[in-house]
Amino acid sequence: MDINKVLEWLSTNFLQIFVIASVFIQISPIKWNPITSFITWFGKLITKDISDKLDDLTDNVEAI
């Protein structure tokens, strides 16, 4: 691929590249990232049963 074609493609698709990259890169002044929040929420949602069972087991062990 010719370097001119690469530069032309980058210049025509700069906005799309920027938007996609901004989803995966956290900028430090921004304290809230929707992707991180969603992953945290989803992780807690799918591990809730295990967490509840672990709490019950801990209570049972403390009772003994």
PDB file of N, CA and C in Angstrom:
ATOM      1  N   MET A   1       0.846  -1.167   0.000  1.00  0.00           N
ATOM      2  CA  MET A   1       0.000   0.000   0.000  1.00  0.00           C
ATOM      3  C   MET A   1       0.897   1.238   0.000  1.00  0.00           C
ATOM      4  N   ASP A   2       0.561   2.165  -0.806  1.00  0.00           N
ATOM      5  CA  ASP A   2       1.347   3.393  -0.946  1.00  0.00           C
ATOM      6  C   ASP A   2       1.127   4.297   0.265  1.00  0.00           C
ATOM      7  N   ILE A   3       2.160   5.011   0.681  1.00  0.00           N
ATOM      8  CA  ILE A   3       2.068   5.901   1.838  1.00  0.00           C
ATOM      9  C   ILE A   3       1.031   7.002   1.616  1.00  0.00           C
ATOM     10  N   ASN A   4       0.884   7.439   0.385  1.00  0.00           N
ATOM     11  CA  ASN A   4      -0.125   8.472   0.093  1.00  0.00           C
ATOM     12  C   ASN A   4      -1.535   7.944   0.313  1.00  0.00           C
ATOM     13  N   LYS A   5      -1.754   6.692  -0.027  1.00  0.00           N
ATOM     14  CA  LYS A   5      -3.070   6.085   0.197  1.00  0.00           C
ATOM     15  C   LYS A   5      -3.344   5.940   1.686  1.00  0.00           C
ATOM     16  N   VAL A   6      -2.318   5.583   2.441  1.00  0.00           N
ATOM     17  CA  VAL A   6      -2.478   5.447   3.891  1.00  0.00           C
ATOM     18  C   VAL A   6      -2.809   6.795   4.503  1.00  0.00           C
ATOM     19  N   LEU A   7      -2.075   7.818   4.133  1.00  0.00           N
ATOM     20  CA  LEU A   7      -2.337   9.160   4.665  1.00  0.00           C
ATOM     21  C   LEU A   7      -3.714   9.671   4.251  1.00  0.00           C
ATOM     22  N   GLU A   8      -4.121   9.379   3.044  1.00  0.00           N
ATOM     23  CA  GLU A   8      -5.455   9.777   2.581  1.00  0.00           C
ATOM     24  C   GLU A   8      -6.538   9.061   3.387  1.00  0.00           C
ATOM     25  N   TRP A   9      -6.330   7.757   3.614  1.00  0.00           N
ATOM     26  CA  TRP A   9      -7.310   6.998   4.390  1.00  0.00           C
ATOM     27  C   TRP A   9      -7.391   7.524   5.816  1.00  0.00           C
ATOM     28  N   LEU A  10      -6.230   7.808   6.439  1.00  0.00           N
ATOM     29  CA  LEU A  10      -6.221   8.343   7.795  1.00  0.00           C
ATOM     30  C   LEU A  10      -6.914   9.694   7.868  1.00  0.00           C
ATOM     31  N   SER A  11      -6.690  10.533   6.878  1.00  0.00           N
ATOM     32  CA  SER A  11      -7.310  11.867   6.907  1.00  0.00           C
ATOM     33  C   SER A  11      -8.823  11.789   6.696  1.00  0.00           C
ATOM     34  N   THR A  12      -9.291  10.841   5.914  1.00  0.00           N
ATOM     35  CA  THR A  12     -10.733  10.741   5.685  1.00  0.00           C
ATOM     36  C   THR A  12     -11.448  10.026   6.831  1.00  0.00           C
ATOM     37  N   ASN A  13     -10.728   9.198   7.588  1.00  0.00           N
ATOM     38  CA  ASN A  13     -11.346   8.425   8.654  1.00  0.00           C
ATOM     39  C   ASN A  13     -10.886   8.852  10.038  1.00  0.00           C
ATOM     40  N   PHE A  14     -10.341  10.047  10.163  1.00  0.00           N
ATOM     41  CA  PHE A  14      -9.798  10.505  11.432  1.00  0.00           C
ATOM     42  C   PHE A  14     -10.859  10.538  12.528  1.00  0.00           C
ATOM     43  N   LEU A  15     -12.046  11.040  12.234  1.00  0.00           N
ATOM     44  CA  LEU A  15     -13.093  11.156  13.250  1.00  0.00           C
ATOM     45  C   LEU A  15     -13.511   9.780  13.765  1.00  0.00           C
ATOM     46  N   GLN A  16     -13.686   8.824  12.882  1.00  0.00           N
ATOM     47  CA  GLN A  16     -14.070   7.486  13.306  1.00  0.00           C
ATOM     48  C   GLN A  16     -12.979   6.842  14.158  1.00  0.00           C
ATOM     49  N   ILE A  17     -11.722   7.018  13.764  1.00  0.00           N
ATOM     50  CA  ILE A  17     -10.608   6.467  14.536  1.00  0.00           C
ATOM     51  C   ILE A  17     -10.566   7.114  15.913  1.00  0.00           C
ATOM     52  N   PHE A  18     -10.756   8.412  15.976  1.00  0.00           N
ATOM     53  CA  PHE A  18     -10.730   9.128  17.248  1.00  0.00           C
ATOM     54  C   PHE A  18     -11.849   8.654  18.175  1.00  0.00           C
ATOM     55  N   VAL A  19     -13.047   8.496  17.654  1.00  0.00           N
ATOM     56  CA  VAL A  19     -14.185   8.064  18.472  1.00  0.00           C
ATOM     57  C   VAL A  19     -13.966   6.648  18.998  1.00  0.00           C
ATOM     58  N   ILE A  20     -13.512   5.754  18.156  1.00  0.00           N
ATOM     59  CA  ILE A  20     -13.275   4.373  18.588  1.00  0.00           C
ATOM     60  C   ILE A  20     -12.152   4.320  19.619  1.00  0.00           C
ATOM     61  N   ALA A  21     -11.092   5.071  19.402  1.00  0.00           N
ATOM     62  CA  ALA A  21      -9.974   5.081  20.351  1.00  0.00           C
ATOM     63  C   ALA A  21     -10.398   5.689  21.685  1.00  0.00           C
ATOM     64  N   SER A  22     -11.271   6.681  21.668  1.00  0.00           N
ATOM     65  CA  SER A  22     -11.679   7.328  22.921  1.00  0.00           C
ATOM     66  C   SER A  22     -12.539   6.414  23.784  1.00  0.00           C
ATOM     67  N   VAL A  23     -13.154   5.414  23.192  1.00  0.00           N
ATOM     68  CA  VAL A  23     -13.929   4.454  23.972  1.00  0.00           C
ATOM     69  C   VAL A  23     -13.005   3.568  24.799  1.00  0.00           C
ATOM     70  N   PHE A  24     -11.834   3.240  24.250  1.00  0.00           N
ATOM     71  CA  PHE A  24     -10.923   2.313  24.907  1.00  0.00           C
ATOM     72  C   PHE A  24      -9.833   2.978  25.735  1.00  0.00           C
ATOM     73  N   ILE A  25      -9.646   4.283  25.589  1.00  0.00           N
ATOM     74  CA  ILE A  25      -8.589   4.988  26.310  1.00  0.00           C
ATOM     75  C   ILE A  25      -9.227   5.925  27.325  1.00  0.00           C
ATOM     76  N   GLN A  26      -8.839   5.777  28.594  1.00  0.00           N
ATOM     77  CA  GLN A  26      -9.334   6.671  29.627  1.00  0.00           C
ATOM     78  C   GLN A  26      -8.388   7.851  29.761  1.00  0.00           C
ATOM     79  N   ILE A  27      -8.934   9.042  29.729  1.00  0.00           N
ATOM     80  CA  ILE A  27      -8.145  10.249  29.922  1.00  0.00           C
ATOM     81  C   ILE A  27      -8.266  10.608  31.397  1.00  0.00           C
ATOM     82  N   SER A  28      -7.142  10.868  32.046  1.00  0.00           N
ATOM     83  CA  SER A  28      -7.124  11.026  33.498  1.00  0.00           C
ATOM     84  C   SER A  28      -8.004  12.156  34.043  1.00  0.00           C
ATOM     85  N   PRO A  29      -8.139  13.317  33.404  1.00  0.00           N
ATOM     86  CA  PRO A  29      -9.023  14.331  33.998  1.00  0.00           C
ATOM     87  C   PRO A  29     -10.499  13.911  34.029  1.00  0.00           C
ATOM     88  N   ILE A  30     -10.876  13.004  33.153  1.00  0.00           N
ATOM     89  CA  ILE A  30     -12.255  12.531  33.143  1.00  0.00           C
ATOM     90  C   ILE A  30     -12.353  11.404  34.168  1.00  0.00           C
ATOM     91  N   LYS A  31     -13.132  11.617  35.217  1.00  0.00           N
ATOM     92  CA  LYS A  31     -13.204  10.650  36.306  1.00  0.00           C
ATOM     93  C   LYS A  31     -14.229   9.546  36.055  1.00  0.00           C
ATOM     94  N   TRP A  32     -15.048   9.675  35.036  1.00  0.00           N
ATOM     95  CA  TRP A  32     -16.089   8.693  34.770  1.00  0.00           C
ATOM     96  C   TRP A  32     -15.958   8.191  33.343  1.00  0.00           C
ATOM     97  N   ASN A  33     -15.859   6.891  33.205  1.00  0.00           N
ATOM     98  CA  ASN A  33     -15.804   6.278  31.891  1.00  0.00           C
ATOM     99  C   ASN A  33     -16.970   5.301  31.795  1.00  0.00           C
ATOM    100  N   PRO A  34     -17.842   5.481  30.833  1.00  0.00           N
ATOM    101  CA  PRO A  34     -19.022   4.618  30.749  1.00  0.00           C
ATOM    102  C   PRO A  34     -18.686   3.143  30.529  1.00  0.00           C
ATOM    103  N   ILE A  35     -17.615   2.843  29.819  1.00  0.00           N
ATOM    104  CA  ILE A  35     -17.246   1.457  29.580  1.00  0.00           C
ATOM    105  C   ILE A  35     -16.841   0.795  30.899  1.00  0.00           C
ATOM    106  N   THR A  36     -16.019   1.480  31.695  1.00  0.00           N
ATOM    107  CA  THR A  36     -15.593   0.944  32.988  1.00  0.00           C
ATOM    108  C   THR A  36     -16.782   0.767  33.918  1.00  0.00           C
ATOM    109  N   SER A  37     -17.691   1.722  33.921  1.00  0.00           N
ATOM    110  CA  SER A  37     -18.879   1.621  34.768  1.00  0.00           C
ATOM    111  C   SER A  37     -19.748   0.437  34.359  1.00  0.00           C
ATOM    112  N   PHE A  38     -19.918   0.244  33.064  1.00  0.00           N
ATOM    113  CA  PHE A  38     -20.730  -0.871  32.584  1.00  0.00           C
ATOM    114  C   PHE A  38     -20.087  -2.205  32.939  1.00  0.00           C
ATOM    115  N   ILE A  39     -18.779  -2.322  32.752  1.00  0.00           N
ATOM    116  CA  ILE A  39     -18.096  -3.580  33.053  1.00  0.00           C
ATOM    117  C   ILE A  39     -18.173  -3.880  34.543  1.00  0.00           C
ATOM    118  N   THR A  40     -18.008  -2.867  35.390  1.00  0.00           N
ATOM    119  CA  THR A  40     -18.110  -3.061  36.835  1.00  0.00           C
ATOM    120  C   THR A  40     -19.514  -3.508  37.223  1.00  0.00           C
ATOM    121  N   TRP A  41     -20.521  -2.848  36.682  1.00  0.00           N
ATOM    122  CA  TRP A  41     -21.920  -3.204  36.979  1.00  0.00           C
ATOM    123  C   TRP A  41     -22.208  -4.630  36.525  1.00  0.00           C
ATOM    124  N   PHE A  42     -21.771  -4.974  35.329  1.00  0.00           N
ATOM    125  CA  PHE A  42     -22.041  -6.301  34.780  1.00  0.00           C
ATOM    126  C   PHE A  42     -21.306  -7.375  35.588  1.00  0.00           C
ATOM    127  N   GLY A  43     -20.082  -7.095  36.003  1.00  0.00           N
ATOM    128  CA  GLY A  43     -19.329  -8.039  36.821  1.00  0.00           C
ATOM    129  C   GLY A  43     -20.004  -8.303  38.146  1.00  0.00           C
ATOM    130  N   LYS A  44     -20.506  -7.243  38.787  1.00  0.00           N
ATOM    131  CA  LYS A  44     -21.220  -7.425  40.056  1.00  0.00           C
ATOM    132  C   LYS A  44     -22.517  -8.191  39.851  1.00  0.00           C
ATOM    133  N   LEU A  45     -23.172  -7.948  38.731  1.00  0.00           N
ATOM    134  CA  LEU A  45     -24.431  -8.624  38.427  1.00  0.00           C
ATOM    135  C   LEU A  45     -24.233 -10.128  38.268  1.00  0.00           C
ATOM    136  N   ILE A  46     -23.188 -10.545  37.561  1.00  0.00           N
ATOM    137  CA  ILE A  46     -23.021 -11.978  37.307  1.00  0.00           C
ATOM    138  C   ILE A  46     -22.367 -12.709  38.482  1.00  0.00           C
ATOM    139  N   THR A  47     -21.745 -11.994  39.418  1.00  0.00           N
ATOM    140  CA  THR A  47     -21.123 -12.653  40.568  1.00  0.00           C
ATOM    141  C   THR A  47     -21.915 -12.469  41.856  1.00  0.00           C
ATOM    142  N   LYS A  48     -23.132 -11.933  41.772  1.00  0.00           N
ATOM    143  CA  LYS A  48     -23.935 -11.679  42.964  1.00  0.00           C
ATOM    144  C   LYS A  48     -24.267 -12.973  43.708  1.00  0.00           C
ATOM    145  N   ASP A  49     -24.633 -14.029  42.990  1.00  0.00           N
ATOM    146  CA  ASP A  49     -24.972 -15.301  43.635  1.00  0.00           C
ATOM    147  C   ASP A  49     -23.783 -15.861  44.407  1.00  0.00           C
ATOM    148  N   ILE A  50     -22.615 -15.821  43.806  1.00  0.00           N
ATOM    149  CA  ILE A  50     -21.419 -16.339  44.473  1.00  0.00           C
ATOM    150  C   ILE A  50     -21.088 -15.496  45.697  1.00  0.00           C
ATOM    151  N   SER A  51     -21.235 -14.190  45.571  1.00  0.00           N
ATOM    152  CA  SER A  51     -20.951 -13.301  46.699  1.00  0.00           C
ATOM    153  C   SER A  51     -21.914 -13.565  47.859  1.00  0.00           C
ATOM    154  N   ASP A  52     -23.181 -13.753  47.540  1.00  0.00           N
ATOM    155  CA  ASP A  52     -24.173 -14.051  48.581  1.00  0.00           C
ATOM    156  C   ASP A  52     -23.869 -15.381  49.269  1.00  0.00           C
ATOM    157  N   LYS A  53     -23.511 -16.394  48.490  1.00  0.00           N
ATOM    158  CA  LYS A  53     -23.185 -17.703  49.071  1.00  0.00           C
ATOM    159  C   LYS A  53     -21.938 -17.611  49.934  1.00  0.00           C
ATOM    160  N   LEU A  54     -20.956 -16.824  49.505  1.00  0.00           N
ATOM    161  CA  LEU A  54     -19.733 -16.653  50.295  1.00  0.00           C
ATOM    162  C   LEU A  54     -20.032 -15.937  51.607  1.00  0.00           C
ATOM    163  N   ASP A  55     -20.923 -14.946  51.570  1.00  0.00           N
ATOM    164  CA  ASP A  55     -21.323 -14.272  52.809  1.00  0.00           C
ATOM    165  C   ASP A  55     -22.023 -15.238  53.758  1.00  0.00           C
ATOM    166  N   ASP A  56     -22.923 -16.076  53.237  1.00  0.00           N
ATOM    167  CA  ASP A  56     -23.608 -17.063  54.062  1.00  0.00           C
ATOM    168  C   ASP A  56     -22.616 -18.065  54.667  1.00  0.00           C
ATOM    169  N   LEU A  57     -21.658 -18.502  53.863  1.00  0.00           N
ATOM    170  CA  LEU A  57     -20.644 -19.440  54.344  1.00  0.00           C
ATOM    171  C   LEU A  57     -19.789 -18.800  55.440  1.00  0.00           C
ATOM    172  N   THR A  58     -19.440 -17.542  55.272  1.00  0.00           N
ATOM    173  CA  THR A  58     -18.657 -16.829  56.283  1.00  0.00           C
ATOM    174  C   THR A  58     -19.446 -16.717  57.584  1.00  0.00           C
ATOM    175  N   ASP A  59     -20.737 -16.429  57.474  1.00  0.00           N
ATOM    176  CA  ASP A  59     -21.588 -16.360  58.668  1.00  0.00           C
ATOM    177  C   ASP A  59     -21.649 -17.707  59.380  1.00  0.00           C
ATOM    178  N   ASN A  60     -21.764 -18.779  58.607  1.00  0.00           N
ATOM    179  CA  ASN A  60     -21.830 -20.122  59.190  1.00  0.00           C
ATOM    180  C   ASN A  60     -20.524 -20.488  59.886  1.00  0.00           C
ATOM    181  N   VAL A  61     -19.402 -20.135  59.298  1.00  0.00           N
ATOM    182  CA  VAL A  61     -18.106 -20.445  59.894  1.00  0.00           C
ATOM    183  C   VAL A  61     -17.901 -19.632  61.167  1.00  0.00           C
ATOM    184  N   GLU A  62     -18.337 -18.388  61.164  1.00  0.00           N
ATOM    185  CA  GLU A  62     -18.209 -17.550  62.363  1.00  0.00           C
ATOM    186  C   GLU A  62     -19.103 -18.077  63.487  1.00  0.00           C
ATOM    187  N   ALA A  63     -20.218 -18.673  63.134  1.00  0.00           N
ATOM    188  CA  ALA A  63     -21.141 -19.205  64.140  1.00  0.00           C
ATOM    189  C   ALA A  63     -20.568 -20.439  64.822  1.00  0.00           C
ATOM    190  N   ILE A  64     -19.695 -21.142  64.133  1.00  0.00           N
ATOM    191  CA  ILE A  64     -19.112 -22.367  64.702  1.00  0.00           C
ATOM    192  C   ILE A  64     -18.045 -21.964  65.648  1.00  0.00           C
TER     193      ILE A  64
END
